[in-house]
Amino acid sequence: MIGLLAAAPVLLAAATPTGGAAASVRTAVLDHAVTRGDVLAPEDFTITPLPAANARAALSAKEAAGMEARRNLAAGVAVRSGDVMPRQLVRRGEPVTIRFVSGSLTIAATGKALGSGAKGELVRVVTASTSRTIDGVVDGSGSVRIAAP
């Protein structure tokens, strides 16, 4: 039993990489803190060597550009797909323009968004004039399109 305990330090030393440091990977990290809802740009990133485990699944600055922060992000962290979402063009509680489109006929009304959404996503809105709830597709900043059946 004593012979096994004496051999343990030798086994641990053999398993540690040379120099004691893990392999590092050059990764895009935030150069300043980002708050929830901020849209990321390539200028928000710097390239820094990180341990391979920390760099796993990190997005490049190009991939994260134009995306919106889902939560507050600290400076010096690698951004992953769960940290960002497509830019929200319609936000819950904000006024929207509701457009009903049928061929060349377009009818516009004002309303309020009951949910948030990015371009192409389905969002529920309520019209200001009739208080009727309608589902539509986000097609621009503050704009929701309702297609004719």
C-alpha atoms as a PDB file:
ATOM      1  CA  MET A   1       0.000   0.000   0.000  1.00  0.00           C
ATOM      2  CA  ILE A   2       2.819   2.403   0.833  1.00  0.00           C
ATOM      3  CA  GLY A   3       4.422   1.653  -2.531  1.00  0.00           C
ATOM      4  CA  LEU A   4       1.270   2.869  -4.375  1.00  0.00           C
ATOM      5  CA  LEU A   5       1.172   6.144  -2.441  1.00  0.00           C
ATOM      6  CA  ALA A   6       4.838   6.806  -3.127  1.00  0.00           C
ATOM      7  CA  ALA A   7       4.273   6.330  -6.892  1.00  0.00           C
ATOM      8  CA  ALA A   8       1.291   8.766  -7.034  1.00  0.00           C
ATOM      9  CA  PRO A   9       3.377  11.982  -7.339  1.00  0.00           C
ATOM     10  CA  VAL A  10       5.292  10.472 -10.259  1.00  0.00           C
ATOM     11  CA  LEU A  11       2.038   9.635 -12.089  1.00  0.00           C
ATOM     12  CA  LEU A  12       0.650  13.151 -11.520  1.00  0.00           C
ATOM     13  CA  ALA A  13       3.826  14.783 -12.783  1.00  0.00           C
ATOM     14  CA  ALA A  14       3.726  12.677 -15.947  1.00  0.00           C
ATOM     15  CA  ALA A  15       0.114  13.696 -16.670  1.00  0.00           C
ATOM     16  CA  THR A  16       0.791  17.475 -16.417  1.00  0.00           C
ATOM     17  CA  PRO A  17       1.615  19.126 -19.801  1.00  0.00           C
ATOM     18  CA  THR A  18       5.103  20.528 -20.197  1.00  0.00           C
ATOM     19  CA  GLY A  19       5.306  24.008 -18.702  1.00  0.00           C
ATOM     20  CA  GLY A  20       2.108  23.444 -16.696  1.00  0.00           C
ATOM     21  CA  ALA A  21      -0.048  25.477 -19.112  1.00  0.00           C
ATOM     22  CA  ALA A  22      -2.921  24.178 -21.215  1.00  0.00           C
ATOM     23  CA  ALA A  23      -2.886  24.698 -24.987  1.00  0.00           C
ATOM     24  CA  SER A  24      -4.221  28.136 -25.900  1.00  0.00           C
ATOM     25  CA  VAL A  25      -6.307  29.202 -28.873  1.00  0.00           C
ATOM     26  CA  ARG A  26      -6.537  32.716 -30.318  1.00  0.00           C
ATOM     27  CA  THR A  27     -10.167  33.715 -29.683  1.00  0.00           C
ATOM     28  CA  ALA A  28     -12.307  36.826 -30.139  1.00  0.00           C
ATOM     29  CA  VAL A  29     -13.263  38.219 -26.719  1.00  0.00           C
ATOM     30  CA  LEU A  30     -15.188  41.351 -25.737  1.00  0.00           C
ATOM     31  CA  ASP A  31     -12.908  44.305 -25.025  1.00  0.00           C
ATOM     32  CA  HIS A  32     -15.552  46.024 -22.877  1.00  0.00           C
ATOM     33  CA  ALA A  33     -18.679  45.059 -20.949  1.00  0.00           C
ATOM     34  CA  VAL A  34     -21.882  44.782 -22.993  1.00  0.00           C
ATOM     35  CA  THR A  35     -25.356  45.237 -21.535  1.00  0.00           C
ATOM     36  CA  ARG A  36     -28.430  43.209 -22.425  1.00  0.00           C
ATOM     37  CA  GLY A  37     -29.987  44.453 -25.672  1.00  0.00           C
ATOM     38  CA  ASP A  38     -26.815  46.020 -27.102  1.00  0.00           C
ATOM     39  CA  VAL A  39     -26.043  45.175 -30.727  1.00  0.00           C
ATOM     40  CA  LEU A  40     -22.529  43.799 -31.170  1.00  0.00           C
ATOM     41  CA  ALA A  41     -20.091  45.106 -33.778  1.00  0.00           C
ATOM     42  CA  PRO A  42     -16.678  43.758 -34.878  1.00  0.00           C
ATOM     43  CA  GLU A  43     -15.040  46.713 -33.093  1.00  0.00           C
ATOM     44  CA  ASP A  44     -16.299  45.326 -29.747  1.00  0.00           C
ATOM     45  CA  PHE A  45     -13.833  42.407 -29.946  1.00  0.00           C
ATOM     46  CA  THR A  46     -10.113  41.821 -29.540  1.00  0.00           C
ATOM     47  CA  ILE A  47      -8.189  38.629 -30.290  1.00  0.00           C
ATOM     48  CA  THR A  48      -6.742  37.032 -27.149  1.00  0.00           C
ATOM     49  CA  PRO A  49      -5.230  33.617 -26.461  1.00  0.00           C
ATOM     50  CA  LEU A  50      -7.539  31.552 -24.229  1.00  0.00           C
ATOM     51  CA  PRO A  51      -7.278  27.993 -22.944  1.00  0.00           C
ATOM     52  CA  ALA A  52      -8.854  25.605 -25.447  1.00  0.00           C
ATOM     53  CA  ALA A  53     -11.607  24.673 -22.964  1.00  0.00           C
ATOM     54  CA  ASN A  54     -12.662  28.330 -22.596  1.00  0.00           C
ATOM     55  CA  ALA A  55     -12.555  28.934 -26.354  1.00  0.00           C
ATOM     56  CA  ARG A  56     -14.813  25.980 -27.176  1.00  0.00           C
ATOM     57  CA  ALA A  57     -17.950  27.015 -29.132  1.00  0.00           C
ATOM     58  CA  ALA A  58     -16.927  30.689 -29.139  1.00  0.00           C
ATOM     59  CA  LEU A  59     -18.262  32.808 -31.990  1.00  0.00           C
ATOM     60  CA  SER A  60     -15.921  34.850 -34.138  1.00  0.00           C
ATOM     61  CA  ALA A  61     -16.294  38.639 -34.214  1.00  0.00           C
ATOM     62  CA  LYS A  62     -17.768  38.317 -37.724  1.00  0.00           C
ATOM     63  CA  GLU A  63     -20.381  35.753 -36.582  1.00  0.00           C
ATOM     64  CA  ALA A  64     -21.434  37.841 -33.562  1.00  0.00           C
ATOM     65  CA  ALA A  65     -21.593  41.159 -35.455  1.00  0.00           C
ATOM     66  CA  GLY A  66     -25.148  42.448 -35.796  1.00  0.00           C
ATOM     67  CA  MET A  67     -26.448  40.129 -33.075  1.00  0.00           C
ATOM     68  CA  GLU A  68     -28.048  41.416 -29.869  1.00  0.00           C
ATOM     69  CA  ALA A  69     -26.797  40.497 -26.394  1.00  0.00           C
ATOM     70  CA  ARG A  70     -29.281  38.221 -24.645  1.00  0.00           C
ATOM     71  CA  ARG A  71     -27.812  39.109 -21.229  1.00  0.00           C
ATOM     72  CA  ASN A  72     -25.108  41.316 -19.699  1.00  0.00           C
ATOM     73  CA  LEU A  73     -21.653  40.181 -20.846  1.00  0.00           C
ATOM     74  CA  ALA A  74     -18.405  40.986 -19.064  1.00  0.00           C
ATOM     75  CA  ALA A  75     -15.253  42.257 -20.746  1.00  0.00           C
ATOM     76  CA  GLY A  76     -12.723  39.572 -21.667  1.00  0.00           C
ATOM     77  CA  VAL A  77     -15.210  36.741 -22.208  1.00  0.00           C
ATOM     78  CA  ALA A  78     -15.712  34.724 -25.382  1.00  0.00           C
ATOM     79  CA  VAL A  79     -19.216  35.115 -26.827  1.00  0.00           C
ATOM     80  CA  ARG A  80     -21.153  31.910 -27.486  1.00  0.00           C
ATOM     81  CA  SER A  81     -24.352  31.351 -29.457  1.00  0.00           C
ATOM     82  CA  GLY A  82     -26.432  31.230 -26.256  1.00  0.00           C
ATOM     83  CA  ASP A  83     -25.219  34.726 -25.296  1.00  0.00           C
ATOM     84  CA  VAL A  84     -26.661  36.432 -28.386  1.00  0.00           C
ATOM     85  CA  MET A  85     -29.834  36.440 -30.471  1.00  0.00           C
ATOM     86  CA  PRO A  86     -30.928  37.991 -33.762  1.00  0.00           C
ATOM     87  CA  ARG A  87     -31.518  41.734 -33.507  1.00  0.00           C
ATOM     88  CA  GLN A  88     -35.018  42.395 -32.149  1.00  0.00           C
ATOM     89  CA  LEU A  89     -36.815  44.815 -34.507  1.00  0.00           C
ATOM     90  CA  VAL A  90     -40.072  44.768 -32.526  1.00  0.00           C
ATOM     91  CA  ARG A  91     -40.095  44.923 -28.735  1.00  0.00           C
ATOM     92  CA  ARG A  92     -42.889  44.050 -26.338  1.00  0.00           C
ATOM     93  CA  GLY A  93     -44.930  47.072 -25.270  1.00  0.00           C
ATOM     94  CA  GLU A  94     -43.624  49.375 -27.982  1.00  0.00           C
ATOM     95  CA  PRO A  95     -45.813  50.935 -30.691  1.00  0.00           C
ATOM     96  CA  VAL A  96     -45.817  49.222 -34.089  1.00  0.00           C
ATOM     97  CA  THR A  97     -47.215  49.815 -37.540  1.00  0.00           C
ATOM     98  CA  ILE A  98     -49.504  46.964 -38.540  1.00  0.00           C
ATOM     99  CA  ARG A  99     -49.755  46.446 -42.299  1.00  0.00           C
ATOM    100  CA  PHE A 100     -52.427  44.211 -43.844  1.00  0.00           C
ATOM    101  CA  VAL A 101     -51.259  43.204 -47.328  1.00  0.00           C
ATOM    102  CA  SER A 102     -53.386  41.566 -50.013  1.00  0.00           C
ATOM    103  CA  GLY A 103     -51.931  41.803 -53.508  1.00  0.00           C
ATOM    104  CA  SER A 104     -51.475  45.509 -54.285  1.00  0.00           C
ATOM    105  CA  LEU A 105     -53.813  46.602 -51.453  1.00  0.00           C
ATOM    106  CA  THR A 106     -52.112  47.694 -48.219  1.00  0.00           C
ATOM    107  CA  ILE A 107     -53.945  48.912 -45.130  1.00  0.00           C
ATOM    108  CA  ALA A 108     -51.903  50.332 -42.259  1.00  0.00           C
ATOM    109  CA  ALA A 109     -52.902  50.790 -38.633  1.00  0.00           C
ATOM    110  CA  THR A 110     -51.134  51.504 -35.362  1.00  0.00           C
ATOM    111  CA  GLY A 111     -50.880  49.082 -32.509  1.00  0.00           C
ATOM    112  CA  LYS A 112     -48.784  47.756 -29.668  1.00  0.00           C
ATOM    113  CA  ALA A 113     -46.516  44.706 -29.671  1.00  0.00           C
ATOM    114  CA  LEU A 114     -47.404  42.007 -27.152  1.00  0.00           C
ATOM    115  CA  GLY A 115     -44.082  40.224 -27.750  1.00  0.00           C
ATOM    116  CA  SER A 116     -40.623  40.838 -29.139  1.00  0.00           C
ATOM    117  CA  GLY A 117     -39.327  39.497 -32.440  1.00  0.00           C
ATOM    118  CA  ALA A 118     -36.589  39.578 -35.042  1.00  0.00           C
ATOM    119  CA  LYS A 119     -37.162  39.912 -38.782  1.00  0.00           C
ATOM    120  CA  GLY A 120     -39.298  37.037 -40.069  1.00  0.00           C
ATOM    121  CA  GLU A 121     -40.493  35.941 -36.619  1.00  0.00           C
ATOM    122  CA  LEU A 122     -44.135  35.673 -35.622  1.00  0.00           C
ATOM    123  CA  VAL A 123     -45.280  38.243 -33.064  1.00  0.00           C
ATOM    124  CA  ARG A 124     -48.649  39.034 -31.493  1.00  0.00           C
ATOM    125  CA  VAL A 125     -49.905  42.647 -31.660  1.00  0.00           C
ATOM    126  CA  VAL A 126     -53.016  44.497 -30.528  1.00  0.00           C
ATOM    127  CA  THR A 127     -54.584  47.219 -32.696  1.00  0.00           C
ATOM    128  CA  ALA A 128     -54.977  50.653 -31.115  1.00  0.00           C
ATOM    129  CA  SER A 129     -58.372  51.388 -32.678  1.00  0.00           C
ATOM    130  CA  THR A 130     -60.247  48.122 -32.040  1.00  0.00           C
ATOM    131  CA  SER A 131     -58.120  46.450 -29.325  1.00  0.00           C
ATOM    132  CA  ARG A 132     -58.150  43.308 -31.437  1.00  0.00           C
ATOM    133  CA  THR A 133     -55.256  40.850 -31.044  1.00  0.00           C
ATOM    134  CA  ILE A 134     -53.590  39.721 -34.287  1.00  0.00           C
ATOM    135  CA  ASP A 135     -50.569  37.546 -35.137  1.00  0.00           C
ATOM    136  CA  GLY A 136     -48.185  38.936 -37.736  1.00  0.00           C
ATOM    137  CA  VAL A 137     -44.652  38.639 -39.080  1.00  0.00           C
ATOM    138  CA  VAL A 138     -41.953  41.196 -38.247  1.00  0.00           C
ATOM    139  CA  ASP A 139     -40.792  42.773 -41.510  1.00  0.00           C
ATOM    140  CA  GLY A 140     -38.875  45.830 -40.299  1.00  0.00           C
ATOM    141  CA  SER A 141     -38.103  48.066 -37.370  1.00  0.00           C
ATOM    142  CA  GLY A 142     -41.429  48.630 -35.598  1.00  0.00           C
ATOM    143  CA  SER A 143     -43.371  47.083 -38.481  1.00  0.00           C
ATOM    144  CA  VAL A 144     -45.539  43.960 -38.545  1.00  0.00           C
ATOM    145  CA  ARG A 145     -47.114  42.477 -41.693  1.00  0.00           C
ATOM    146  CA  ILE A 146     -50.395  40.596 -41.712  1.00  0.00           C
ATOM    147  CA  ALA A 147     -50.867  38.460 -44.822  1.00  0.00           C
ATOM    148  CA  ALA A 148     -54.330  37.957 -46.290  1.00  0.00           C
ATOM    149  CA  PRO A 149     -55.669  34.406 -46.062  1.00  0.00           C
END
